Amino acid sequence: MDRITRICSVSLGLALLASSGAEAKRVTTVDSPSLLQAYARARLAGADGALDAASRAYSTVLAARPDDAAIAARAYRQAIIAGDFPLALKAAAALDKAGALPADGQLLYLSQALKEKDWPAANAALVALGKDGSFDFLIPVLRAWVAQASGQGDPFAILDAPTGSALTSALGSEQRALLLIASGRLNEAATVAQAQALASGGGSAALKLTAASALQAAGRRDAALMLLRGDEAEITAARALVQAGKPLTVGSLDAAGGVASLLVRVGEAIQSDPRSPVGLTLARLAHYLDPSNDGATVMLARLLANVGQSDRGLELAGTVGAGSPYAGAAIDTRVGILTALDRREDALALARAKSDSSTATLADMVRVGDLLEALDRHAEAAQAYDRAIAVAEKTPDMADKLWSLWLLRGSALDQGGNWAEAKPALEKAVKLAPLQPVALNYLGYAQLERRENVKAALALIERASQLKPDDPAITDSLGWAHYLVGDVAKAIPALEKAVRGQPEDATLNEHLGDAYWAAGRKYEARYAWNAAAVLADNADVAARARAKAEDGFSPALAAR
């Protein structure tokens, strides 16, 4: 976590987009039946995610009732989600007139002014934004950009003025390089960007990309490559473009582009709640200011999908070209959206295409395996993990990832019923990482399931439990191992602890029921089995648990 993300996570717990008073007011009486129908259509379309239809209906209602602040508030939020900026501006004007414009409305006004180079309007928006206070941490940097673009004032003196805000200082330090680029002071910008890159956290990838793009355009290829160090996907892609002599384009270098990059930076840092309107609003405004900023495009696509606009998110992410350093992130976003929609075959096709490309990363190969696993194509998944293992074994920097790749391969083979090959893979994972509790637990539990090497399996699980004593799955494994070796007295406390930690898990409840029965605690056993039957998402497990609850335990009904 870099400095800005860390500060934002603390500082932006406030509701930056607090609901205006207008949104709490009741809608005034609508006299016209047709107007009432339009309002109902707007509300229904918005609820159904039909953004275009909702915008059209709200436009109709707002045109007829421009003084109704409640309608304007709903229209404003709908328009921001939809990217309907004419409607957003009309609704903002109505809210402003009513004294109910939320703070991000002034950001909208500022964005419009920057696009139109209307500097008096930009300064007026900054004054109004300062009075609200929600975006105080942004105002000095925004003022610096307006000063730079308008030629009215010294942007660097504005940045250097003390603010008492660590967040403002951090953002200002990053934006300084972009302001220098916009001012034609490329040498100074390169020095500042390089210092940022060498600082703790490595600096912003977007800053390095922008500075490198400007240096490349000025014919300073080597200086551009000096900035493009690191293993972030975007940096790696940009480095490959510059090395191949291809243009590195990352967005506009003017004030609109600078403010767009600022909004993206803040939006990325506050996405702890993916459904928060704050990140989505900032991404929308950034894309409005600079449609060529692919970082804004990818972030907006992802956030639209989070609020139910998956088709729009897919379409938007699909606009990022193959020659963009964000092309990989756009594909990742599309794969994620398709997976969430349960369109796993489509996601797999897209992921495979990326995995087979010359720029494929280890994560791309692993994701193909993960998608194949989700489709129950376990043998193919194991092959995908094999490919990842082969790459990692040839790359010294990836040695610490090998154990997890062997674990994934072993798990895929195990799930596919190929225990003969799964066991050596799992043993390899444990050999590479003898202190990794997840590897120890998997190998131990997989043997317990087969009633194989039970005492050795118990030793593995005991070691895992010592390393991670509060993990419910590992604690369950420990209790179940004690049960299988006949030590019910030790089994029950461990299994009870596991169920307390994860009470919604059917397997844990079934294990506890079997142990209770062995101890003669038959009422409690039936209670645990009933819970397992209700919680089970597997029909066989549910039927087995229900049969025990009704008829009691028998060896044929023993938990797995």
Protein backbone atom coordinates (compact mmCIF):
# COMPACT_ATOMS: atom_id res chain seq x y z
CA MET A 1 0.00 0.00 0.00
CA ASP A 2 1.60 3.30 -1.07
CA ARG A 3 1.53 6.52 0.90
CA ILE A 4 -1.48 8.10 -0.80
CA THR A 5 -3.58 4.96 -0.58
CA ARG A 6 -2.69 4.61 3.10
CA ILE A 7 -3.57 8.23 3.87
CA CYS A 8 -6.77 8.11 1.84
CA SER A 9 -7.93 4.98 3.61
CA VAL A 10 -7.72 6.92 6.88
CA SER A 11 -8.75 10.37 5.73
CA LEU A 12 -11.65 9.53 3.46
CA GLY A 13 -13.80 7.63 5.88
CA LEU A 14 -15.99 10.73 5.70
CA ALA A 15 -18.98 10.70 3.39
CA LEU A 16 -17.59 12.97 0.69
CA LEU A 17 -20.78 12.70 -1.24
CA ALA A 18 -23.14 13.27 1.63
CA SER A 19 -26.74 13.33 0.50
CA SER A 20 -28.06 16.80 0.04
CA GLY A 21 -31.07 17.96 1.95
CA ALA A 22 -33.00 17.93 -1.27
CA GLU A 23 -32.72 14.18 -1.54
CA ALA A 24 -34.57 13.80 1.74
CA LYS A 25 -37.50 15.96 0.64
CA ARG A 26 -40.66 14.52 -0.75
CA VAL A 27 -41.38 14.96 -4.43
CA THR A 28 -43.94 17.68 -4.92
CA THR A 29 -47.30 16.79 -6.39
CA VAL A 30 -47.15 16.07 -10.11
CA ASP A 31 -50.31 17.27 -11.77
CA SER A 32 -49.93 15.85 -15.26
CA PRO A 33 -50.62 12.12 -15.65
CA SER A 34 -48.07 11.95 -18.46
CA LEU A 35 -45.48 13.61 -16.25
CA LEU A 36 -46.26 11.18 -13.45
CA GLN A 37 -45.80 8.31 -15.89
CA ALA A 38 -42.46 9.73 -17.03
CA TYR A 39 -41.29 9.98 -13.42
CA ALA A 40 -42.40 6.41 -12.73
CA ARG A 41 -40.59 5.25 -15.87
CA ALA A 42 -37.44 7.05 -14.74
CA ARG A 43 -37.52 5.42 -11.30
CA LEU A 44 -38.24 1.95 -12.70
CA ALA A 45 -35.64 2.22 -15.46
CA GLY A 46 -33.04 3.36 -12.95
CA ALA A 47 -33.85 0.46 -10.64
CA ASP A 48 -33.59 -1.97 -13.57
CA GLY A 49 -30.26 -0.53 -14.70
CA ALA A 50 -31.69 0.80 -17.97
CA LEU A 51 -29.60 3.95 -17.82
CA ASP A 52 -30.45 5.47 -21.20
CA ALA A 53 -34.19 5.07 -20.66
CA ALA A 54 -33.89 6.48 -17.14
CA SER A 55 -31.95 9.51 -18.40
CA ARG A 56 -34.52 10.25 -21.09
CA ALA A 57 -37.38 10.02 -18.62
CA TYR A 58 -35.63 12.18 -16.01
CA SER A 59 -34.84 14.77 -18.70
CA THR A 60 -38.54 14.98 -19.51
CA VAL A 61 -39.57 15.34 -15.88
CA LEU A 62 -36.82 17.81 -15.02
CA ALA A 63 -37.67 20.00 -18.02
CA ALA A 64 -41.26 20.21 -16.78
CA ARG A 65 -40.36 20.64 -13.09
CA PRO A 66 -36.99 22.48 -13.01
CA ASP A 67 -37.60 23.77 -9.48
CA ASP A 68 -38.25 20.36 -7.91
CA ALA A 69 -35.03 19.68 -6.02
CA ALA A 70 -35.94 16.08 -5.18
CA ILE A 71 -36.41 15.22 -8.85
CA ALA A 72 -33.21 17.09 -9.70
CA ALA A 73 -31.28 15.11 -7.05
CA ARG A 74 -32.40 11.78 -8.48
CA ALA A 75 -31.75 12.96 -12.03
CA TYR A 76 -28.26 14.13 -11.04
CA ARG A 77 -27.18 10.81 -9.54
CA GLN A 78 -28.69 8.85 -12.44
CA ALA A 79 -26.91 11.07 -14.95
CA ILE A 80 -23.52 10.65 -13.26
CA ILE A 81 -23.83 6.85 -13.36
CA ALA A 82 -24.96 6.96 -17.00
CA GLY A 83 -22.37 9.52 -18.07
CA ASP A 84 -25.16 11.78 -19.35
CA PHE A 85 -23.39 15.08 -18.70
CA PRO A 86 -25.98 17.39 -20.32
CA LEU A 87 -28.57 16.00 -17.89
CA ALA A 88 -26.09 16.06 -14.99
CA LEU A 89 -25.37 19.75 -15.62
CA LYS A 90 -29.08 20.63 -15.88
CA ALA A 91 -29.83 18.77 -12.67
CA ALA A 92 -26.83 20.37 -10.96
CA ALA A 93 -28.08 23.83 -11.96
CA ALA A 94 -31.49 23.06 -10.43
CA LEU A 95 -29.87 21.82 -7.21
CA ASP A 96 -27.55 24.83 -7.11
CA LYS A 97 -30.52 27.17 -7.42
CA ALA A 98 -32.18 25.37 -4.52
CA GLY A 99 -29.00 25.57 -2.43
CA ALA A 100 -28.80 21.79 -2.40
CA LEU A 101 -25.92 20.98 -4.76
CA PRO A 102 -23.67 18.25 -3.28
CA ALA A 103 -19.91 18.80 -3.19
CA ASP A 104 -19.22 16.67 -6.23
CA GLY A 105 -21.51 18.97 -8.18
CA GLN A 106 -18.84 21.64 -7.90
CA LEU A 107 -16.32 19.11 -9.22
CA LEU A 108 -18.65 18.65 -12.18
CA TYR A 109 -18.75 22.43 -12.73
CA LEU A 110 -14.97 22.57 -12.48
CA SER A 111 -14.61 19.74 -14.99
CA GLN A 112 -16.88 21.51 -17.45
CA ALA A 113 -14.94 24.76 -17.01
CA LEU A 114 -11.61 23.00 -17.61
CA LYS A 115 -12.91 21.40 -20.80
CA GLU A 116 -14.19 24.75 -22.03
CA LYS A 117 -11.17 26.71 -20.72
CA ASP A 118 -13.57 28.98 -18.85
CA TRP A 119 -11.20 30.15 -16.10
CA PRO A 120 -13.61 32.46 -14.23
CA ALA A 121 -16.07 29.55 -13.98
CA ALA A 122 -13.27 27.26 -12.84
CA ASN A 123 -12.25 29.65 -10.08
CA ALA A 124 -15.87 30.09 -9.02
CA ALA A 125 -16.23 26.32 -8.71
CA LEU A 126 -13.08 26.16 -6.58
CA VAL A 127 -14.42 28.88 -4.26
CA ALA A 128 -17.71 27.01 -3.85
CA LEU A 129 -15.86 23.73 -3.34
CA GLY A 130 -13.80 25.36 -0.58
CA LYS A 131 -16.93 26.53 1.22
CA ASP A 132 -18.33 22.99 1.28
CA GLY A 133 -15.15 21.48 2.75
CA SER A 134 -15.63 17.89 1.60
CA PHE A 135 -12.79 18.06 -0.90
CA ASP A 136 -10.45 20.38 0.99
CA PHE A 137 -7.53 18.02 0.44
CA LEU A 138 -7.86 18.44 -3.35
CA ILE A 139 -8.33 22.20 -3.61
CA PRO A 140 -4.66 23.34 -3.56
CA VAL A 141 -3.77 20.90 -6.35
CA LEU A 142 -6.85 21.88 -8.36
CA ARG A 143 -6.02 25.56 -7.90
CA ALA A 144 -2.49 24.88 -9.15
CA TRP A 145 -3.84 23.30 -12.32
CA VAL A 146 -6.21 26.20 -12.99
CA ALA A 147 -3.36 28.65 -12.42
CA GLN A 148 -1.10 26.76 -14.81
CA ALA A 149 -3.70 26.49 -17.55
CA SER A 150 -4.98 30.04 -17.27
CA GLY A 151 -1.59 31.66 -16.83
CA GLN A 152 -2.98 33.48 -13.81
CA GLY A 153 -0.72 32.78 -10.85
CA ASP A 154 2.21 30.52 -10.02
CA PRO A 155 1.04 26.90 -9.75
CA PHE A 156 4.21 25.83 -7.95
CA ALA A 157 3.88 28.53 -5.31
CA ILE A 158 0.35 27.25 -4.69
CA LEU A 159 1.66 23.68 -4.28
CA ASP A 160 4.44 24.85 -1.97
CA ALA A 161 2.14 26.78 0.37
CA PRO A 162 1.69 24.92 3.70
CA THR A 163 -1.68 23.21 4.11
CA GLY A 164 -1.29 21.05 7.21
CA SER A 165 -2.66 18.09 5.23
CA ALA A 166 -0.42 15.09 4.64
CA LEU A 167 -2.75 13.90 1.89
CA THR A 168 -2.61 17.24 0.06
CA SER A 169 1.18 17.25 0.32
CA ALA A 170 1.43 13.70 -1.05
CA LEU A 171 -0.89 14.45 -3.97
CA GLY A 172 0.91 17.73 -4.66
CA SER A 173 4.28 15.97 -4.80
CA GLU A 174 2.99 13.61 -7.47
CA GLN A 175 1.16 16.27 -9.45
CA ARG A 176 4.22 18.55 -9.52
CA ALA A 177 5.82 16.46 -12.26
CA LEU A 178 2.67 16.61 -14.38
CA LEU A 179 2.43 20.38 -13.90
CA LEU A 180 6.05 20.71 -14.98
CA ILE A 181 5.34 18.69 -18.11
CA ALA A 182 2.31 20.84 -18.90
CA SER A 183 4.50 23.93 -18.39
CA GLY A 184 7.12 22.65 -20.85
CA ARG A 185 9.75 22.08 -18.15
CA LEU A 186 10.53 18.49 -19.10
CA ASN A 187 13.99 18.21 -17.51
CA GLU A 188 12.64 19.23 -14.12
CA ALA A 189 9.64 16.95 -14.56
CA ALA A 190 11.92 13.99 -15.27
CA THR A 191 13.95 14.72 -12.14
CA VAL A 192 10.82 14.95 -9.96
CA ALA A 193 9.31 11.78 -11.47
CA GLN A 194 12.57 9.89 -10.94
CA ALA A 195 12.67 11.00 -7.30
CA GLN A 196 9.08 9.82 -6.87
CA ALA A 197 9.97 6.47 -8.44
CA LEU A 198 12.86 6.01 -6.01
CA ALA A 199 10.80 7.01 -2.97
CA SER A 200 9.17 4.55 -0.58
CA GLY A 201 6.33 2.78 -2.39
CA GLY A 202 7.78 3.43 -5.83
CA GLY A 203 5.49 6.32 -6.72
CA SER A 204 2.43 6.32 -8.92
CA ALA A 205 2.58 4.10 -12.02
CA ALA A 206 0.40 6.63 -13.86
CA LEU A 207 2.90 9.41 -13.06
CA LYS A 208 5.80 7.34 -14.40
CA LEU A 209 3.83 6.49 -17.54
CA THR A 210 2.96 10.13 -18.23
CA ALA A 211 6.50 11.36 -17.68
CA ALA A 212 7.93 8.54 -19.79
CA SER A 213 5.45 9.34 -22.58
CA ALA A 214 6.53 12.98 -22.61
CA LEU A 215 10.21 12.00 -22.62
CA GLN A 216 9.70 9.53 -25.45
CA ALA A 217 7.85 12.16 -27.49
CA ALA A 218 10.83 14.48 -26.98
CA GLY A 219 13.17 11.83 -28.37
CA ARG A 220 14.62 10.89 -24.99
CA ARG A 221 14.10 7.14 -25.13
CA ASP A 222 16.73 6.19 -22.57
CA ALA A 223 15.38 8.68 -20.03
CA ALA A 224 11.90 7.27 -20.57
CA LEU A 225 13.15 3.74 -19.94
CA MET A 226 14.88 4.87 -16.75
CA LEU A 227 11.44 5.71 -15.36
CA LEU A 228 9.85 2.47 -16.55
CA ARG A 229 11.44 0.18 -14.01
CA GLY A 230 9.38 -2.22 -11.97
CA ASP A 231 7.17 -5.24 -12.44
CA GLU A 232 3.72 -3.64 -12.42
CA ALA A 233 1.78 -4.83 -15.45
CA GLU A 234 1.31 -1.33 -16.89
CA ILE A 235 4.98 -0.45 -16.42
CA THR A 236 6.10 -3.71 -18.02
CA ALA A 237 3.80 -3.13 -21.00
CA ALA A 238 4.95 0.48 -21.39
CA ARG A 239 8.60 -0.56 -21.25
CA ALA A 240 8.00 -3.08 -24.04
CA LEU A 241 6.33 -0.39 -26.18
CA VAL A 242 9.19 2.06 -25.75
CA GLN A 243 11.82 -0.62 -26.39
CA ALA A 244 10.00 -1.59 -29.59
CA GLY A 245 9.94 2.03 -30.75
CA LYS A 246 6.16 2.22 -30.52
CA PRO A 247 4.43 5.34 -29.18
CA LEU A 248 3.50 5.38 -25.51
CA THR A 249 0.24 7.31 -25.23
CA VAL A 250 -1.34 7.64 -21.81
CA GLY A 251 -3.72 10.60 -21.98
CA SER A 252 -3.77 14.34 -22.33
CA LEU A 253 -0.94 16.43 -20.87
CA ASP A 254 -3.02 19.60 -20.35
CA ALA A 255 -4.93 20.75 -17.27
CA ALA A 256 -7.97 18.59 -18.07
CA GLY A 257 -5.72 15.56 -18.36
CA GLY A 258 -3.84 16.47 -15.19
CA VAL A 259 -7.02 16.81 -13.15
CA ALA A 260 -8.32 13.56 -14.66
CA SER A 261 -5.17 11.77 -13.48
CA LEU A 262 -5.62 13.33 -10.04
CA LEU A 263 -9.21 12.09 -9.77
CA VAL A 264 -8.16 8.61 -10.89
CA ARG A 265 -5.39 8.59 -8.29
CA VAL A 266 -7.78 9.49 -5.49
CA GLY A 267 -10.48 7.16 -6.83
CA GLU A 268 -8.07 4.22 -6.86
CA ALA A 269 -7.04 4.95 -3.29
CA ILE A 270 -10.57 4.96 -1.86
CA GLN A 271 -12.04 1.87 -3.48
CA SER A 272 -12.24 -0.12 -0.26
CA ASP A 273 -16.02 -0.12 -0.83
CA PRO A 274 -16.47 -1.03 -4.51
CA ARG A 275 -20.09 0.18 -4.47
CA SER A 276 -19.30 3.58 -3.01
CA PRO A 277 -20.55 6.43 -5.20
CA VAL A 278 -17.37 8.37 -4.50
CA GLY A 279 -15.05 6.26 -6.63
CA LEU A 280 -17.61 5.97 -9.43
CA THR A 281 -18.20 9.73 -9.51
CA LEU A 282 -14.47 10.46 -9.63
CA ALA A 283 -13.95 7.90 -12.39
CA ARG A 284 -16.85 9.36 -14.39
CA LEU A 285 -15.48 12.87 -14.11
CA ALA A 286 -11.97 11.71 -15.00
CA HIS A 287 -13.25 9.97 -18.13
CA TYR A 288 -15.31 13.07 -19.00
CA LEU A 289 -12.23 15.28 -18.66
CA ASP A 290 -9.91 12.99 -20.60
CA PRO A 291 -11.46 10.11 -22.57
CA SER A 292 -7.95 9.16 -23.74
CA ASN A 293 -6.89 8.26 -20.18
CA ASP A 294 -7.12 4.47 -20.33
CA GLY A 295 -6.48 4.18 -16.59
CA ALA A 296 -9.71 6.13 -16.02
CA THR A 297 -11.49 3.98 -18.59
CA VAL A 298 -10.51 0.72 -16.89
CA MET A 299 -11.41 2.01 -13.42
CA LEU A 300 -14.77 3.28 -14.64
CA ALA A 301 -15.54 -0.03 -16.38
CA ARG A 302 -14.82 -1.96 -13.20
CA LEU A 303 -16.90 0.36 -11.01
CA LEU A 304 -19.84 0.32 -13.43
CA ALA A 305 -19.89 -3.47 -13.22
CA ASN A 306 -19.91 -3.20 -9.42
CA VAL A 307 -23.19 -1.24 -9.56
CA GLY A 308 -24.90 -3.67 -11.94
CA GLN A 309 -23.83 -2.10 -15.23
CA SER A 310 -21.87 -5.12 -16.45
CA ASP A 311 -22.66 -4.69 -20.15
CA ARG A 312 -21.50 -1.07 -20.07
CA GLY A 313 -18.41 -2.07 -18.17
CA LEU A 314 -17.58 -4.75 -20.74
CA GLU A 315 -18.16 -2.36 -23.61
CA LEU A 316 -16.06 0.37 -22.04
CA ALA A 317 -13.14 -1.92 -21.16
CA GLY A 318 -13.27 -3.20 -24.73
CA THR A 319 -12.44 0.27 -26.05
CA VAL A 320 -8.90 0.13 -24.64
CA GLY A 321 -6.60 -0.64 -27.56
CA ALA A 322 -4.00 -3.39 -27.75
CA GLY A 323 -1.28 -0.74 -27.94
CA SER A 324 -2.16 0.78 -24.58
CA PRO A 325 -0.12 0.01 -21.47
CA TYR A 326 -3.51 -0.58 -19.83
CA ALA A 327 -4.52 -3.24 -22.39
CA GLY A 328 -3.77 -6.03 -19.93
CA ALA A 329 -5.74 -4.35 -17.16
CA ALA A 330 -8.67 -3.92 -19.56
CA ILE A 331 -8.63 -7.62 -20.40
CA ASP A 332 -8.40 -8.49 -16.71
CA THR A 333 -11.44 -6.29 -16.07
CA ARG A 334 -13.42 -7.96 -18.85
CA VAL A 335 -12.47 -11.43 -17.58
CA GLY A 336 -13.55 -10.44 -14.07
CA ILE A 337 -16.90 -9.10 -15.28
CA LEU A 338 -17.58 -12.17 -17.42
CA THR A 339 -16.69 -14.46 -14.53
CA ALA A 340 -19.04 -12.57 -12.20
CA LEU A 341 -21.79 -12.98 -14.81
CA ASP A 342 -21.06 -16.74 -14.80
CA ARG A 343 -20.02 -16.50 -18.46
CA ARG A 344 -17.02 -18.61 -17.63
CA GLU A 345 -16.44 -20.01 -21.10
CA ASP A 346 -16.28 -16.48 -22.52
CA ALA A 347 -13.99 -15.46 -19.67
CA LEU A 348 -11.80 -18.50 -20.31
CA ALA A 349 -11.47 -17.73 -24.03
CA LEU A 350 -10.38 -14.17 -23.26
CA ALA A 351 -8.03 -15.27 -20.48
CA ARG A 352 -6.47 -17.95 -22.69
CA ALA A 353 -5.82 -15.45 -25.46
CA LYS A 354 -3.97 -13.22 -23.00
CA SER A 355 -2.13 -16.17 -21.48
CA ASP A 356 -0.91 -17.24 -24.92
CA SER A 357 0.37 -13.76 -25.82
CA SER A 358 4.03 -12.76 -25.74
CA THR A 359 3.33 -10.44 -22.81
CA ALA A 360 1.64 -13.09 -20.64
CA THR A 361 2.44 -13.01 -16.96
CA LEU A 362 2.48 -15.79 -14.40
CA ALA A 363 -0.83 -14.45 -13.08
CA ASP A 364 -2.37 -14.83 -16.56
CA MET A 365 -1.41 -18.50 -16.68
CA VAL A 366 -2.69 -19.15 -13.16
CA ARG A 367 -5.99 -17.47 -13.96
CA VAL A 368 -6.56 -19.85 -16.87
CA GLY A 369 -6.10 -22.72 -14.45
CA ASP A 370 -8.47 -21.15 -11.95
CA LEU A 371 -11.18 -20.71 -14.60
CA LEU A 372 -10.77 -24.28 -15.77
CA GLU A 373 -11.08 -25.43 -12.17
CA ALA A 374 -14.34 -23.48 -11.84
CA LEU A 375 -15.60 -25.31 -14.93
CA ASP A 376 -14.65 -28.68 -13.37
CA ARG A 377 -12.06 -29.25 -16.11
CA HIS A 378 -9.50 -30.39 -13.61
CA ALA A 379 -7.01 -32.16 -15.88
CA GLU A 380 -6.78 -29.09 -18.13
CA ALA A 381 -6.40 -26.89 -15.06
CA ALA A 382 -3.48 -29.02 -13.89
CA GLN A 383 -1.86 -28.53 -17.30
CA ALA A 384 -2.28 -24.75 -17.02
CA TYR A 385 -0.62 -24.81 -13.61
CA ASP A 386 2.14 -27.00 -15.08
CA ARG A 387 2.87 -24.26 -17.58
CA ALA A 388 3.03 -21.69 -14.79
CA ILE A 389 5.38 -23.94 -12.81
CA ALA A 390 7.70 -24.28 -15.81
CA VAL A 391 7.90 -20.49 -16.15
CA ALA A 392 8.43 -19.93 -12.43
CA GLU A 393 11.18 -22.56 -12.25
CA LYS A 394 13.14 -20.65 -14.91
CA THR A 395 12.76 -17.31 -13.15
CA PRO A 396 14.73 -16.86 -9.90
CA ASP A 397 12.50 -13.98 -8.78
CA MET A 398 9.51 -16.33 -8.79
CA ALA A 399 11.00 -19.03 -6.58
CA ASP A 400 8.83 -17.99 -3.63
CA LYS A 401 5.69 -18.64 -5.68
CA LEU A 402 6.54 -22.20 -6.64
CA TRP A 403 5.02 -23.86 -3.59
CA SER A 404 1.62 -22.28 -4.25
CA LEU A 405 1.71 -23.37 -7.90
CA TRP A 406 2.47 -26.97 -6.89
CA LEU A 407 -0.39 -26.74 -4.38
CA LEU A 408 -2.76 -25.54 -7.13
CA ARG A 409 -1.63 -28.35 -9.41
CA GLY A 410 -2.08 -30.93 -6.66
CA SER A 411 -5.51 -29.58 -5.80
CA ALA A 412 -6.65 -29.72 -9.45
CA LEU A 413 -5.46 -33.32 -9.79
CA ASP A 414 -7.07 -34.23 -6.47
CA GLN A 415 -10.40 -32.69 -7.47
CA GLY A 416 -10.18 -34.54 -10.77
CA GLY A 417 -9.79 -37.87 -9.01
CA ASN A 418 -6.12 -38.38 -9.90
CA TRP A 419 -4.75 -38.94 -6.40
CA ALA A 420 -1.73 -40.85 -7.69
CA GLU A 421 -0.37 -37.66 -9.30
CA ALA A 422 -1.95 -35.25 -6.83
CA LYS A 423 -0.12 -36.59 -3.78
CA PRO A 424 3.43 -36.05 -5.13
CA ALA A 425 2.47 -32.51 -6.21
CA LEU A 426 1.12 -31.73 -2.73
CA GLU A 427 4.21 -33.24 -1.12
CA LYS A 428 6.34 -31.02 -3.37
CA ALA A 429 4.42 -27.97 -2.13
CA VAL A 430 5.09 -28.94 1.49
CA LYS A 431 8.76 -29.61 0.76
CA LEU A 432 9.13 -26.15 -0.82
CA ALA A 433 7.21 -24.43 1.98
CA PRO A 434 7.31 -26.49 5.18
CA LEU A 435 5.99 -23.55 7.20
CA GLN A 436 2.96 -22.79 5.01
CA PRO A 437 -0.10 -23.93 6.98
CA VAL A 438 -2.38 -24.12 3.94
CA ALA A 439 -0.05 -26.61 2.21
CA LEU A 440 0.41 -28.67 5.35
CA ASN A 441 -3.31 -28.76 6.00
CA TYR A 442 -4.25 -29.70 2.43
CA LEU A 443 -1.85 -32.64 2.26
CA GLY A 444 -2.85 -33.80 5.73
CA TYR A 445 -6.58 -33.53 5.16
CA ALA A 446 -6.46 -35.11 1.69
CA GLN A 447 -4.88 -38.19 3.28
CA LEU A 448 -7.42 -38.16 6.10
CA GLU A 449 -10.25 -38.23 3.55
CA ARG A 450 -8.80 -41.44 2.17
CA ARG A 451 -8.01 -42.83 5.64
CA GLU A 452 -4.41 -42.99 4.41
CA ASN A 453 -1.32 -42.41 6.60
CA VAL A 454 -3.60 -41.08 9.32
CA LYS A 455 -0.89 -40.59 11.96
CA ALA A 456 1.43 -38.83 9.50
CA ALA A 457 -1.50 -36.73 8.31
CA LEU A 458 -2.23 -35.80 11.93
CA ALA A 459 1.36 -34.63 12.37
CA LEU A 460 1.08 -32.39 9.29
CA ILE A 461 -2.16 -30.86 10.53
CA GLU A 462 -0.80 -30.35 14.05
CA ARG A 463 2.07 -28.39 12.53
CA ALA A 464 -0.39 -26.32 10.46
CA SER A 465 -2.48 -25.64 13.55
CA GLN A 466 0.57 -24.46 15.50
CA LEU A 467 1.32 -22.01 12.70
CA LYS A 468 -2.27 -20.82 12.32
CA PRO A 469 -4.22 -21.76 15.45
CA ASP A 470 -7.30 -19.62 14.78
CA ASP A 471 -8.06 -20.85 11.26
CA PRO A 472 -11.42 -22.72 11.37
CA ALA A 473 -10.59 -25.02 8.44
CA ILE A 474 -7.27 -26.08 9.94
CA THR A 475 -8.83 -26.47 13.40
CA ASP A 476 -11.51 -28.69 11.86
CA SER A 477 -8.83 -30.79 10.18
CA LEU A 478 -7.07 -31.17 13.52
CA GLY A 479 -10.24 -32.24 15.30
CA TRP A 480 -11.18 -34.63 12.51
CA ALA A 481 -7.72 -36.19 12.57
CA HIS A 482 -8.03 -36.79 16.32
CA TYR A 483 -11.45 -38.35 15.69
CA LEU A 484 -10.09 -40.70 13.04
CA VAL A 485 -7.30 -41.95 15.30
CA GLY A 486 -9.89 -42.61 18.02
CA ASP A 487 -9.12 -39.70 20.34
CA VAL A 488 -12.65 -38.30 20.61
CA ALA A 489 -11.85 -36.40 23.80
CA LYS A 490 -9.35 -34.24 21.88
CA ALA A 491 -11.48 -34.13 18.75
CA ILE A 492 -14.58 -32.51 20.22
CA PRO A 493 -13.01 -29.29 21.64
CA ALA A 494 -11.18 -28.67 18.34
CA LEU A 495 -14.30 -29.31 16.25
CA GLU A 496 -16.41 -27.09 18.51
CA LYS A 497 -13.85 -24.31 18.12
CA ALA A 498 -13.92 -24.73 14.34
CA VAL A 499 -17.72 -24.46 14.22
CA ARG A 500 -17.65 -21.37 16.44
CA GLY A 501 -15.26 -19.79 13.97
CA GLN A 502 -17.22 -20.77 10.87
CA PRO A 503 -20.74 -21.79 11.92
CA GLU A 504 -22.14 -21.68 8.37
CA ASP A 505 -19.88 -24.49 7.10
CA ALA A 506 -21.73 -27.77 6.55
CA THR A 507 -18.62 -29.97 6.66
CA LEU A 508 -17.53 -28.60 10.02
CA ASN A 509 -20.98 -29.21 11.50
CA GLU A 510 -21.14 -32.76 10.12
CA HIS A 511 -17.72 -33.60 11.57
CA LEU A 512 -18.80 -32.29 14.95
CA GLY A 513 -21.99 -34.36 14.78
CA ASP A 514 -20.04 -37.57 14.11
CA ALA A 515 -17.73 -36.82 17.05
CA TYR A 516 -20.64 -36.06 19.38
CA TRP A 517 -22.27 -39.37 18.44
CA ALA A 518 -19.06 -41.27 19.17
CA ALA A 519 -19.00 -39.64 22.61
CA GLY A 520 -22.61 -40.65 23.30
CA ARG A 521 -23.91 -37.08 22.99
CA LYS A 522 -26.67 -38.08 20.59
CA TYR A 523 -28.97 -35.09 20.99
CA GLU A 524 -26.12 -32.69 20.19
CA ALA A 525 -25.04 -34.91 17.31
CA ARG A 526 -28.48 -34.68 15.70
CA TYR A 527 -28.50 -30.92 16.19
CA ALA A 528 -25.13 -30.61 14.40
CA TRP A 529 -26.24 -32.93 11.58
CA ASN A 530 -29.45 -30.97 11.07
CA ALA A 531 -27.38 -27.81 10.79
CA ALA A 532 -25.12 -29.50 8.23
CA ALA A 533 -28.14 -30.64 6.20
CA VAL A 534 -29.52 -27.10 6.08
CA LEU A 535 -26.19 -25.47 5.26
CA ALA A 536 -24.92 -27.98 2.70
CA ASP A 537 -24.66 -26.81 -0.91
CA ASN A 538 -23.98 -30.38 -2.01
CA ALA A 539 -26.99 -32.70 -2.32
CA ASP A 540 -25.04 -35.79 -1.25
CA VAL A 541 -23.74 -34.11 1.92
CA ALA A 542 -27.22 -32.82 2.75
CA ALA A 543 -28.80 -36.25 2.27
CA ARG A 544 -26.14 -37.98 4.37
CA ALA A 545 -26.43 -35.48 7.22
CA ARG A 546 -30.23 -35.67 7.14
CA ALA A 547 -30.18 -39.48 7.22
CA LYS A 548 -27.95 -39.43 10.32
CA ALA A 549 -30.17 -36.86 12.02
CA GLU A 550 -33.17 -39.09 11.46
CA ASP A 551 -31.74 -42.59 11.94
CA GLY A 552 -28.45 -42.15 13.75
CA PHE A 553 -24.89 -42.82 12.75
CA SER A 554 -23.70 -45.82 10.73
CA PRO A 555 -20.29 -46.42 9.12
CA ALA A 556 -21.86 -46.09 5.68
CA LEU A 557 -22.90 -42.53 6.58
CA ALA A 558 -19.56 -41.39 8.02
CA ALA A 559 -18.50 -37.88 7.07
CA ARG A 560 -15.79 -37.52 4.48
